[in-house]
Every structure is written in structure tokens, then in C-alpha cells.
């Protein structure tokens, strides 16, 4: 018997976590990686979600996941389909660490600048995260975001993400 899905959600649970004591974006790459994911947060995330929600057609190759609290949004897809917006960070697949999505412009390094092999970082994260590391992982500075729960983008969910909930009214003081 299959478990019922709670809704047609592409917005996943908040599974991001600060896990690393290293700077994974410390050294410039000789050649940038092709972008396969975009990370946006705060007002930029809401603006991008609103822009995508009003497009005539959403590219079916795009998938996304966000934090439950609406603090960030990750969209994945082929480079030519990814949206471009100021304030976004772009990630790609390093051939040395195919399960990770790393900065397109910087290679991992220790905080003192010592290079860190992407394959070593990948193995360490998979060991640390265990079952949560089943799918790809987006690695940004000291944060790791499992993105295997990404779902196709949905216009209604994008629109609701773009419009943050209004706080409940407060009772007037007497």
C-alpha cells in the first residue's frame, strides 16, 4: 500500500543544516563548472518564485526544493533552462564529486586556504549524513542541503512561495 502524499508539493522539508567546519568555496576554479542548480534566499527567492509563477510556460525540466520556513529556494535543471537573477548563487557538478552540487566558480578548501579534494568532501558528507545523503547534496559554505526531494515546479506553489504569509492581526490594547 502506498503512502498518501500530503499535496502536490515541490517544496520539501527543511533539511538544510550547518555541518561543515571548512570553507567549501575558498579557491577560484581554473574553469567554471556548468550550472545545474541555483540557490536564492529571502527577497530574491520570493522575487524569483513570483517571476516563474507568472511565466507563460515553466520549463518541465526544472525542479525545485525549498526550506519549509521559506528562507531559501533551490532550482535544478539544465544550464540553459535555469533562471538568472541578481543575488543568486549557481552550482554545478564537479566530475570528482558527482553527488555534490558545488560552486561553479570556486573549489573547496580548508579555512587556511589548503585545497580540499571534492571527492574527499563528498565521501565525508555521505558518511556524516547517512540516510539523508541518498540523493544529491548542494554544498554552500558551511551548509549542506539535500536536494534529492526536488519536485517539478508548480505554478501555484511558486505563487504561494512568492507571497509570504501575513502575520496574524494583533489585538488592540485597551
N, C-alpha and C. Protein backbone atom coordinates (compact mmCIF):
# COMPACT_ATOMS: atom_id res chain seq x y z
N UNK A 1 0.84 -1.17 0.00
CA UNK A 1 0.00 0.00 0.00
C UNK A 1 0.89 1.25 0.00
N UNK A 2 0.56 2.21 -0.86
CA UNK A 2 1.38 3.41 -0.97
C UNK A 2 0.93 4.45 0.03
N UNK A 3 1.89 5.16 0.58
CA UNK A 3 1.56 6.26 1.49
C UNK A 3 0.98 7.41 0.66
N UNK A 4 -0.03 8.08 1.19
CA UNK A 4 -0.63 9.22 0.51
C UNK A 4 0.29 10.42 0.60
N UNK A 5 0.46 11.09 -0.51
CA UNK A 5 1.23 12.33 -0.50
C UNK A 5 0.35 13.41 0.11
N UNK A 6 0.94 14.29 0.90
CA UNK A 6 0.16 15.33 1.55
C UNK A 6 -0.35 16.36 0.56
N UNK A 7 0.36 16.58 -0.54
CA UNK A 7 -0.07 17.52 -1.56
C UNK A 7 0.87 17.40 -2.74
N UNK A 8 0.56 18.14 -3.80
CA UNK A 8 1.46 18.19 -4.95
C UNK A 8 2.55 19.19 -4.61
N UNK A 9 3.48 18.80 -3.81
CA UNK A 9 4.49 19.74 -3.31
C UNK A 9 5.81 19.53 -3.99
N UNK A 10 6.44 20.63 -4.35
CA UNK A 10 7.84 20.59 -4.73
C UNK A 10 8.66 21.21 -3.63
N UNK A 11 8.00 21.84 -2.69
CA UNK A 11 8.71 22.44 -1.57
C UNK A 11 8.89 21.36 -0.51
N UNK A 12 10.12 20.99 -0.26
CA UNK A 12 10.40 19.89 0.66
C UNK A 12 10.59 20.35 2.08
N UNK A 13 10.80 19.41 2.94
CA UNK A 13 11.07 19.72 4.34
C UNK A 13 12.38 20.48 4.46
N UNK A 14 12.50 21.23 5.53
CA UNK A 14 13.74 21.97 5.78
C UNK A 14 14.77 20.98 6.29
N UNK A 15 15.59 20.50 5.37
CA UNK A 15 16.59 19.51 5.75
C UNK A 15 17.99 20.09 5.65
N UNK A 16 18.08 21.39 5.42
CA UNK A 16 19.40 22.00 5.37
C UNK A 16 19.98 22.03 6.78
N UNK A 17 21.28 22.01 6.83
CA UNK A 17 21.92 22.01 8.15
C UNK A 17 23.33 22.54 8.03
N UNK A 18 23.76 23.35 9.00
CA UNK A 18 25.17 23.74 9.01
C UNK A 18 25.99 22.58 9.54
N UNK A 19 26.86 22.02 8.70
CA UNK A 19 27.58 20.82 9.09
C UNK A 19 29.09 20.94 9.00
N UNK A 20 29.57 21.91 8.28
CA UNK A 20 30.98 21.89 7.93
C UNK A 20 31.80 22.92 8.68
N UNK A 21 33.03 22.55 8.97
CA UNK A 21 33.97 23.49 9.59
C UNK A 21 35.04 23.87 8.57
N UNK A 22 34.62 23.91 7.30
CA UNK A 22 35.54 24.26 6.22
C UNK A 22 34.89 25.32 5.34
N UNK A 23 35.67 25.91 4.47
CA UNK A 23 35.14 26.87 3.51
C UNK A 23 35.10 26.15 2.17
N UNK A 24 33.90 25.75 1.73
CA UNK A 24 33.82 24.96 0.51
C UNK A 24 33.84 25.82 -0.74
N UNK A 25 33.98 27.11 -0.58
CA UNK A 25 34.04 27.99 -1.74
C UNK A 25 35.27 28.88 -1.67
N UNK A 26 36.39 28.30 -1.28
CA UNK A 26 37.55 29.11 -0.98
C UNK A 26 38.48 29.45 -2.12
N UNK A 27 38.65 28.61 -3.11
CA UNK A 27 39.64 28.85 -4.15
C UNK A 27 38.98 28.93 -5.51
N UNK A 28 39.36 29.91 -6.29
CA UNK A 28 38.78 30.08 -7.63
C UNK A 28 39.12 28.88 -8.52
N UNK A 29 38.16 28.45 -9.30
CA UNK A 29 38.37 27.37 -10.27
C UNK A 29 39.08 27.92 -11.50
N UNK A 30 39.88 27.08 -12.14
CA UNK A 30 40.51 27.49 -13.40
C UNK A 30 39.44 27.71 -14.47
N UNK A 31 38.46 26.78 -14.52
CA UNK A 31 37.34 26.90 -15.45
C UNK A 31 36.06 26.65 -14.67
N UNK A 32 35.05 27.52 -14.84
CA UNK A 32 33.81 27.32 -14.09
C UNK A 32 33.09 26.05 -14.52
N UNK A 33 32.36 25.48 -13.57
CA UNK A 33 31.51 24.34 -13.87
C UNK A 33 30.26 24.82 -14.60
N UNK A 34 29.64 23.96 -15.38
CA UNK A 34 28.34 24.28 -15.96
C UNK A 34 27.32 24.31 -14.82
N UNK A 35 26.49 25.31 -14.81
CA UNK A 35 25.48 25.44 -13.74
C UNK A 35 24.38 24.39 -13.92
N UNK A 36 24.04 23.72 -12.81
CA UNK A 36 22.93 22.76 -12.81
C UNK A 36 21.93 23.05 -11.70
N UNK A 37 22.24 24.05 -10.86
CA UNK A 37 21.35 24.41 -9.75
C UNK A 37 21.57 25.88 -9.40
N UNK A 38 20.52 26.49 -8.89
CA UNK A 38 20.55 27.87 -8.45
C UNK A 38 20.01 27.91 -7.02
N UNK A 39 20.68 28.68 -6.16
CA UNK A 39 20.26 28.87 -4.77
C UNK A 39 19.93 30.35 -4.60
N UNK A 40 18.74 30.62 -4.06
CA UNK A 40 18.35 32.00 -3.74
C UNK A 40 17.71 32.00 -2.36
N UNK A 41 17.80 33.15 -1.68
CA UNK A 41 17.21 33.23 -0.35
C UNK A 41 16.51 34.56 -0.17
N UNK A 42 15.66 34.61 0.85
CA UNK A 42 14.98 35.84 1.24
C UNK A 42 14.20 36.48 0.11
N UNK A 43 14.27 37.81 0.00
CA UNK A 43 13.51 38.54 -1.02
C UNK A 43 13.85 38.11 -2.45
N UNK A 44 15.10 37.71 -2.69
CA UNK A 44 15.48 37.26 -4.04
C UNK A 44 14.74 35.95 -4.36
N UNK A 45 14.62 35.06 -3.39
CA UNK A 45 13.89 33.80 -3.61
C UNK A 45 12.42 34.09 -3.91
N UNK A 46 11.81 34.99 -3.16
CA UNK A 46 10.40 35.32 -3.41
C UNK A 46 10.22 35.99 -4.78
N UNK A 47 11.16 36.87 -5.14
CA UNK A 47 11.07 37.53 -6.45
C UNK A 47 11.19 36.50 -7.58
N UNK A 48 12.13 35.57 -7.46
CA UNK A 48 12.30 34.56 -8.49
C UNK A 48 11.07 33.66 -8.57
N UNK A 49 10.54 33.23 -7.43
CA UNK A 49 9.34 32.39 -7.44
C UNK A 49 8.19 33.14 -8.11
N UNK A 50 8.02 34.43 -7.80
CA UNK A 50 6.96 35.21 -8.43
C UNK A 50 7.15 35.33 -9.92
N UNK A 51 8.39 35.55 -10.35
CA UNK A 51 8.67 35.66 -11.78
C UNK A 51 8.36 34.36 -12.50
N UNK A 52 8.77 33.22 -11.92
CA UNK A 52 8.49 31.93 -12.54
C UNK A 52 7.00 31.61 -12.56
N UNK A 53 6.29 32.00 -11.50
CA UNK A 53 4.85 31.71 -11.40
C UNK A 53 4.05 32.44 -12.48
N UNK A 54 4.56 33.56 -12.96
CA UNK A 54 3.82 34.33 -13.96
C UNK A 54 4.29 34.08 -15.39
N UNK A 55 5.25 33.20 -15.57
CA UNK A 55 5.70 32.87 -16.93
C UNK A 55 4.59 32.14 -17.67
N UNK A 56 4.55 32.32 -18.99
CA UNK A 56 3.56 31.60 -19.80
C UNK A 56 3.72 30.09 -19.68
N UNK A 57 4.97 29.64 -19.66
CA UNK A 57 5.24 28.21 -19.54
C UNK A 57 6.47 28.01 -18.66
N UNK A 58 6.39 27.06 -17.78
CA UNK A 58 7.53 26.70 -16.93
C UNK A 58 8.21 25.51 -17.57
N UNK A 59 9.50 25.62 -17.77
CA UNK A 59 10.25 24.53 -18.38
C UNK A 59 10.07 23.26 -17.55
N UNK A 60 9.56 22.19 -18.15
CA UNK A 60 9.31 20.95 -17.39
C UNK A 60 10.57 20.27 -16.89
N UNK A 61 11.74 20.71 -17.37
CA UNK A 61 13.00 20.12 -16.90
C UNK A 61 13.46 20.71 -15.58
N UNK A 62 12.78 21.77 -15.11
CA UNK A 62 13.17 22.40 -13.85
C UNK A 62 12.46 21.73 -12.68
N UNK A 63 13.21 21.56 -11.61
CA UNK A 63 12.66 21.00 -10.37
C UNK A 63 13.15 21.87 -9.22
N UNK A 64 12.44 21.85 -8.11
CA UNK A 64 12.86 22.69 -7.00
C UNK A 64 12.57 22.09 -5.65
N UNK A 65 13.22 22.67 -4.66
CA UNK A 65 13.02 22.31 -3.26
C UNK A 65 13.29 23.58 -2.46
N UNK A 66 12.59 23.72 -1.35
CA UNK A 66 12.82 24.91 -0.51
C UNK A 66 12.76 24.53 0.95
N UNK A 67 13.19 25.46 1.77
CA UNK A 67 13.06 25.29 3.21
C UNK A 67 11.60 25.49 3.57
N UNK A 68 11.12 24.74 4.54
CA UNK A 68 9.74 24.86 4.99
C UNK A 68 9.42 26.28 5.44
N UNK A 69 10.40 26.96 6.03
CA UNK A 69 10.17 28.32 6.52
C UNK A 69 10.26 29.37 5.41
N UNK A 70 10.51 28.95 4.18
CA UNK A 70 10.56 29.87 3.07
C UNK A 70 11.83 30.70 2.99
N UNK A 71 12.86 30.33 3.73
CA UNK A 71 14.08 31.13 3.75
C UNK A 71 14.92 30.99 2.49
N UNK A 72 14.82 29.85 1.82
CA UNK A 72 15.60 29.66 0.60
C UNK A 72 14.90 28.74 -0.37
N UNK A 73 15.35 28.82 -1.60
CA UNK A 73 14.80 28.05 -2.71
C UNK A 73 15.96 27.55 -3.56
N UNK A 74 15.90 26.29 -3.96
CA UNK A 74 16.89 25.70 -4.86
C UNK A 74 16.14 25.20 -6.08
N UNK A 75 16.60 25.60 -7.26
CA UNK A 75 16.01 25.12 -8.51
C UNK A 75 17.10 24.43 -9.29
N UNK A 76 16.76 23.25 -9.84
CA UNK A 76 17.72 22.46 -10.59
C UNK A 76 17.23 22.22 -12.00
N UNK A 77 18.17 22.07 -12.91
CA UNK A 77 17.85 21.77 -14.30
C UNK A 77 19.06 22.01 -15.17
N UNK A 78 18.88 21.82 -16.48
CA UNK A 78 19.99 22.09 -17.39
C UNK A 78 20.35 23.57 -17.39
N UNK A 79 21.62 23.87 -17.60
CA UNK A 79 22.10 25.24 -17.53
C UNK A 79 21.26 26.20 -18.37
N UNK A 80 20.91 25.79 -19.59
CA UNK A 80 20.17 26.69 -20.48
C UNK A 80 18.74 26.95 -20.00
N UNK A 81 18.25 26.14 -19.08
CA UNK A 81 16.88 26.32 -18.56
C UNK A 81 16.84 27.05 -17.22
N UNK A 82 17.98 27.13 -16.54
CA UNK A 82 17.99 27.77 -15.23
C UNK A 82 17.70 29.27 -15.35
N UNK A 83 16.91 29.80 -14.43
CA UNK A 83 16.68 31.25 -14.44
C UNK A 83 17.93 31.97 -13.95
N UNK A 84 18.11 33.19 -14.42
CA UNK A 84 19.22 34.02 -13.98
C UNK A 84 18.65 35.24 -13.29
N UNK A 85 19.18 35.54 -12.10
CA UNK A 85 18.69 36.67 -11.32
C UNK A 85 19.83 37.18 -10.44
N UNK A 86 19.90 38.49 -10.27
CA UNK A 86 20.91 39.07 -9.38
C UNK A 86 20.69 38.55 -7.96
N UNK A 87 21.77 38.24 -7.27
CA UNK A 87 21.70 37.77 -5.89
C UNK A 87 21.64 36.26 -5.77
N UNK A 88 21.62 35.56 -6.90
CA UNK A 88 21.58 34.10 -6.87
C UNK A 88 22.99 33.54 -6.84
N UNK A 89 23.08 32.31 -6.37
CA UNK A 89 24.35 31.58 -6.38
C UNK A 89 24.12 30.35 -7.25
N UNK A 90 25.10 30.04 -8.08
CA UNK A 90 24.97 28.95 -9.04
C UNK A 90 25.92 27.81 -8.69
N UNK A 91 25.43 26.59 -8.90
CA UNK A 91 26.16 25.38 -8.52
C UNK A 91 26.17 24.40 -9.68
N UNK A 92 27.22 23.59 -9.72
CA UNK A 92 27.35 22.60 -10.78
C UNK A 92 27.91 21.30 -10.24
N UNK A 93 28.11 20.36 -11.14
CA UNK A 93 28.61 19.04 -10.77
C UNK A 93 30.10 18.97 -11.11
N UNK A 94 30.91 18.77 -10.08
CA UNK A 94 32.34 18.58 -10.27
C UNK A 94 32.54 17.10 -10.60
N UNK A 95 33.27 16.78 -11.67
CA UNK A 95 33.46 15.37 -12.02
C UNK A 95 34.09 14.54 -10.91
N UNK A 96 34.82 15.19 -10.00
CA UNK A 96 35.45 14.47 -8.90
C UNK A 96 34.46 14.15 -7.78
N UNK A 97 33.28 14.78 -7.78
CA UNK A 97 32.29 14.58 -6.72
C UNK A 97 30.89 14.69 -7.33
N UNK A 98 30.48 13.69 -8.10
CA UNK A 98 29.23 13.80 -8.87
C UNK A 98 27.94 13.88 -8.04
N UNK A 99 27.99 13.52 -6.77
CA UNK A 99 26.78 13.61 -5.94
C UNK A 99 26.62 14.99 -5.31
N UNK A 100 27.65 15.82 -5.40
CA UNK A 100 27.58 17.15 -4.81
C UNK A 100 27.28 18.19 -5.87
N UNK A 101 26.62 19.25 -5.45
CA UNK A 101 26.46 20.44 -6.28
C UNK A 101 27.31 21.51 -5.59
N UNK A 102 28.40 21.87 -6.26
CA UNK A 102 29.38 22.80 -5.70
C UNK A 102 29.36 24.10 -6.48
N UNK A 103 29.92 25.14 -5.89
CA UNK A 103 30.02 26.43 -6.55
C UNK A 103 30.59 26.27 -7.96
N UNK A 104 30.00 26.98 -8.91
CA UNK A 104 30.50 26.91 -10.28
C UNK A 104 31.85 27.61 -10.42
N UNK A 105 32.17 28.52 -9.51
CA UNK A 105 33.37 29.35 -9.67
C UNK A 105 34.48 29.07 -8.66
N UNK A 106 34.18 28.32 -7.58
CA UNK A 106 35.19 28.09 -6.54
C UNK A 106 35.29 26.62 -6.16
N UNK A 107 36.51 26.20 -5.84
CA UNK A 107 36.78 24.82 -5.40
C UNK A 107 36.83 24.78 -3.88
N UNK A 108 36.53 23.63 -3.31
CA UNK A 108 36.61 23.52 -1.85
C UNK A 108 38.04 23.70 -1.34
N UNK A 109 38.15 24.30 -0.17
CA UNK A 109 39.45 24.41 0.51
C UNK A 109 39.20 24.49 2.01
N UNK A 110 40.24 24.23 2.76
CA UNK A 110 40.15 24.41 4.20
C UNK A 110 40.18 25.91 4.48
N UNK A 111 39.80 26.30 5.68
CA UNK A 111 39.76 27.73 6.01
C UNK A 111 41.10 28.42 5.87
N UNK A 112 42.19 27.66 5.98
CA UNK A 112 43.51 28.28 5.83
C UNK A 112 43.94 28.37 4.37
N UNK A 113 43.06 27.95 3.44
CA UNK A 113 43.37 28.04 2.02
C UNK A 113 43.90 26.76 1.41
N UNK A 114 44.15 25.74 2.22
CA UNK A 114 44.64 24.46 1.72
C UNK A 114 43.57 23.82 0.85
N UNK A 115 43.90 23.42 -0.39
CA UNK A 115 42.90 22.79 -1.26
C UNK A 115 42.33 21.52 -0.63
N UNK A 116 41.06 21.28 -0.88
CA UNK A 116 40.37 20.08 -0.39
C UNK A 116 39.79 19.35 -1.61
N UNK A 117 40.16 18.11 -1.79
CA UNK A 117 39.68 17.34 -2.94
C UNK A 117 38.16 17.20 -2.85
N UNK A 118 37.44 17.54 -3.92
CA UNK A 118 35.98 17.38 -3.90
C UNK A 118 35.54 15.96 -3.57
N UNK A 119 36.31 14.96 -4.04
CA UNK A 119 35.95 13.56 -3.75
C UNK A 119 36.03 13.26 -2.26
N UNK A 120 37.01 13.84 -1.57
CA UNK A 120 37.13 13.66 -0.12
C UNK A 120 35.95 14.31 0.60
N UNK A 121 35.58 15.51 0.17
CA UNK A 121 34.43 16.20 0.76
C UNK A 121 33.16 15.38 0.55
N UNK A 122 32.99 14.84 -0.64
CA UNK A 122 31.82 14.03 -0.94
C UNK A 122 31.74 12.80 -0.03
N UNK A 123 32.84 12.08 0.10
CA UNK A 123 32.85 10.89 0.96
C UNK A 123 32.55 11.25 2.41
N UNK A 124 33.13 12.34 2.89
CA UNK A 124 32.92 12.76 4.28
C UNK A 124 31.45 13.14 4.52
N UNK A 125 30.84 13.85 3.59
CA UNK A 125 29.44 14.25 3.76
C UNK A 125 28.50 13.05 3.72
N UNK A 126 28.75 12.14 2.82
CA UNK A 126 27.91 10.94 2.74
C UNK A 126 28.01 10.13 4.03
N UNK A 127 29.21 10.01 4.57
CA UNK A 127 29.39 9.29 5.84
C UNK A 127 28.69 10.02 6.97
N UNK A 128 28.78 11.34 7.00
CA UNK A 128 28.19 12.13 8.09
C UNK A 128 26.66 12.15 8.03
N UNK A 129 26.10 12.26 6.83
CA UNK A 129 24.65 12.40 6.70
C UNK A 129 23.90 11.07 6.68
N UNK A 130 24.56 10.00 6.35
CA UNK A 130 23.90 8.70 6.34
C UNK A 130 22.73 8.66 5.37
N UNK A 131 21.55 8.28 5.87
CA UNK A 131 20.37 8.10 5.02
C UNK A 131 19.94 9.38 4.31
N UNK A 132 20.19 10.54 4.90
CA UNK A 132 19.81 11.80 4.26
C UNK A 132 20.63 12.08 3.02
N UNK A 133 21.72 11.35 2.82
CA UNK A 133 22.62 11.59 1.68
C UNK A 133 22.29 10.70 0.49
N UNK A 134 21.07 10.18 0.41
CA UNK A 134 20.73 9.28 -0.70
C UNK A 134 20.73 10.00 -2.04
N UNK A 135 20.33 11.23 -2.08
CA UNK A 135 20.29 11.98 -3.34
C UNK A 135 21.42 12.97 -3.39
N UNK A 136 21.36 13.85 -4.38
CA UNK A 136 22.41 14.86 -4.49
C UNK A 136 22.37 15.86 -3.34
N UNK A 137 23.51 16.46 -3.05
CA UNK A 137 23.66 17.42 -1.96
C UNK A 137 24.21 18.73 -2.50
N UNK A 138 23.55 19.82 -2.21
CA UNK A 138 24.06 21.14 -2.57
C UNK A 138 24.89 21.62 -1.39
N UNK A 139 26.13 22.00 -1.65
CA UNK A 139 27.05 22.40 -0.59
C UNK A 139 27.39 23.87 -0.77
N UNK A 140 27.03 24.67 0.23
CA UNK A 140 27.27 26.10 0.16
C UNK A 140 27.88 26.54 1.48
N UNK A 141 29.14 26.95 1.40
CA UNK A 141 29.89 27.34 2.59
C UNK A 141 29.77 26.24 3.64
N UNK A 142 29.23 26.52 4.83
CA UNK A 142 29.13 25.51 5.87
C UNK A 142 27.76 24.85 5.87
N UNK A 143 27.00 24.98 4.81
CA UNK A 143 25.64 24.45 4.76
C UNK A 143 25.54 23.36 3.71
N UNK A 144 24.80 22.30 4.04
CA UNK A 144 24.55 21.20 3.12
C UNK A 144 23.04 21.05 2.99
N UNK A 145 22.56 21.07 1.76
CA UNK A 145 21.12 20.97 1.52
C UNK A 145 20.85 19.73 0.67
N UNK A 146 20.25 18.69 1.25
CA UNK A 146 19.86 17.53 0.44
C UNK A 146 18.79 17.98 -0.57
N UNK A 147 19.04 17.76 -1.85
CA UNK A 147 18.11 18.22 -2.89
C UNK A 147 17.47 17.07 -3.66
N UNK A 148 17.60 15.87 -3.15
CA UNK A 148 17.00 14.71 -3.81
C UNK A 148 15.49 14.71 -3.77
N UNK A 149 14.88 15.53 -2.90
CA UNK A 149 13.42 15.59 -2.81
C UNK A 149 12.81 16.61 -3.77
N UNK A 150 13.61 17.17 -4.65
CA UNK A 150 13.12 18.18 -5.58
C UNK A 150 11.98 17.61 -6.43
N UNK A 151 11.02 18.46 -6.69
CA UNK A 151 9.85 18.10 -7.49
C UNK A 151 9.71 19.08 -8.65
N UNK A 152 9.00 18.68 -9.70
CA UNK A 152 8.76 19.63 -10.80
C UNK A 152 8.12 20.91 -10.27
N UNK A 153 8.49 22.03 -10.86
CA UNK A 153 7.95 23.31 -10.41
C UNK A 153 6.45 23.36 -10.68
N UNK A 154 5.72 23.95 -9.76
CA UNK A 154 4.27 24.07 -9.82
C UNK A 154 3.91 25.55 -9.69
N UNK A 155 3.16 26.07 -10.64
CA UNK A 155 2.83 27.50 -10.67
C UNK A 155 2.16 27.97 -9.38
N UNK A 156 1.21 27.21 -8.86
CA UNK A 156 0.51 27.60 -7.63
C UNK A 156 1.43 27.65 -6.43
N UNK A 157 2.31 26.66 -6.31
CA UNK A 157 3.25 26.65 -5.19
C UNK A 157 4.28 27.76 -5.31
N UNK A 158 4.70 28.05 -6.55
CA UNK A 158 5.63 29.17 -6.74
C UNK A 158 4.96 30.48 -6.31
N UNK A 159 3.70 30.66 -6.70
CA UNK A 159 2.98 31.89 -6.34
C UNK A 159 2.84 32.01 -4.83
N UNK A 160 2.53 30.90 -4.15
CA UNK A 160 2.38 30.97 -2.69
C UNK A 160 3.73 31.20 -2.01
N UNK A 161 4.79 30.67 -2.57
CA UNK A 161 6.13 30.91 -2.01
C UNK A 161 6.50 32.39 -2.18
N UNK A 162 6.09 32.99 -3.31
CA UNK A 162 6.43 34.38 -3.61
C UNK A 162 5.75 35.37 -2.68
N UNK A 163 4.63 34.96 -2.12
CA UNK A 163 3.86 35.85 -1.24
C UNK A 163 3.93 35.31 0.17
N UNK A 164 4.80 35.88 1.00
CA UNK A 164 4.91 35.36 2.37
C UNK A 164 3.60 35.57 3.12
N UNK A 165 3.33 34.67 4.03
CA UNK A 165 2.11 34.76 4.83
C UNK A 165 2.12 36.03 5.66
N UNK A 166 0.97 36.62 5.75
CA UNK A 166 0.82 37.80 6.59
C UNK A 166 0.77 37.36 8.05
N UNK A 167 1.39 38.11 8.96
CA UNK A 167 1.30 37.74 10.37
C UNK A 167 -0.13 37.92 10.87
N UNK A 168 -0.55 37.14 11.85
CA UNK A 168 -1.91 37.28 12.36
C UNK A 168 -2.10 38.66 12.98
N UNK A 169 -3.32 39.22 12.85
CA UNK A 169 -3.55 40.53 13.43
C UNK A 169 -3.39 40.48 14.95
N UNK A 170 -2.96 41.57 15.51
CA UNK A 170 -2.82 41.63 16.96
C UNK A 170 -4.04 42.30 17.54
N UNK A 171 -4.35 41.91 18.74
CA UNK A 171 -5.50 42.51 19.44
C UNK A 171 -5.13 43.92 19.87
N UNK A 172 -6.05 44.90 19.70
CA UNK A 172 -5.76 46.24 20.17
C UNK A 172 -5.64 46.27 21.68
N UNK A 173 -4.71 47.05 22.15
CA UNK A 173 -4.55 47.18 23.61
C UNK A 173 -5.58 48.15 24.15
N UNK A 174 -6.10 47.87 25.33
CA UNK A 174 -7.10 48.77 25.92
C UNK A 174 -6.49 49.72 26.90
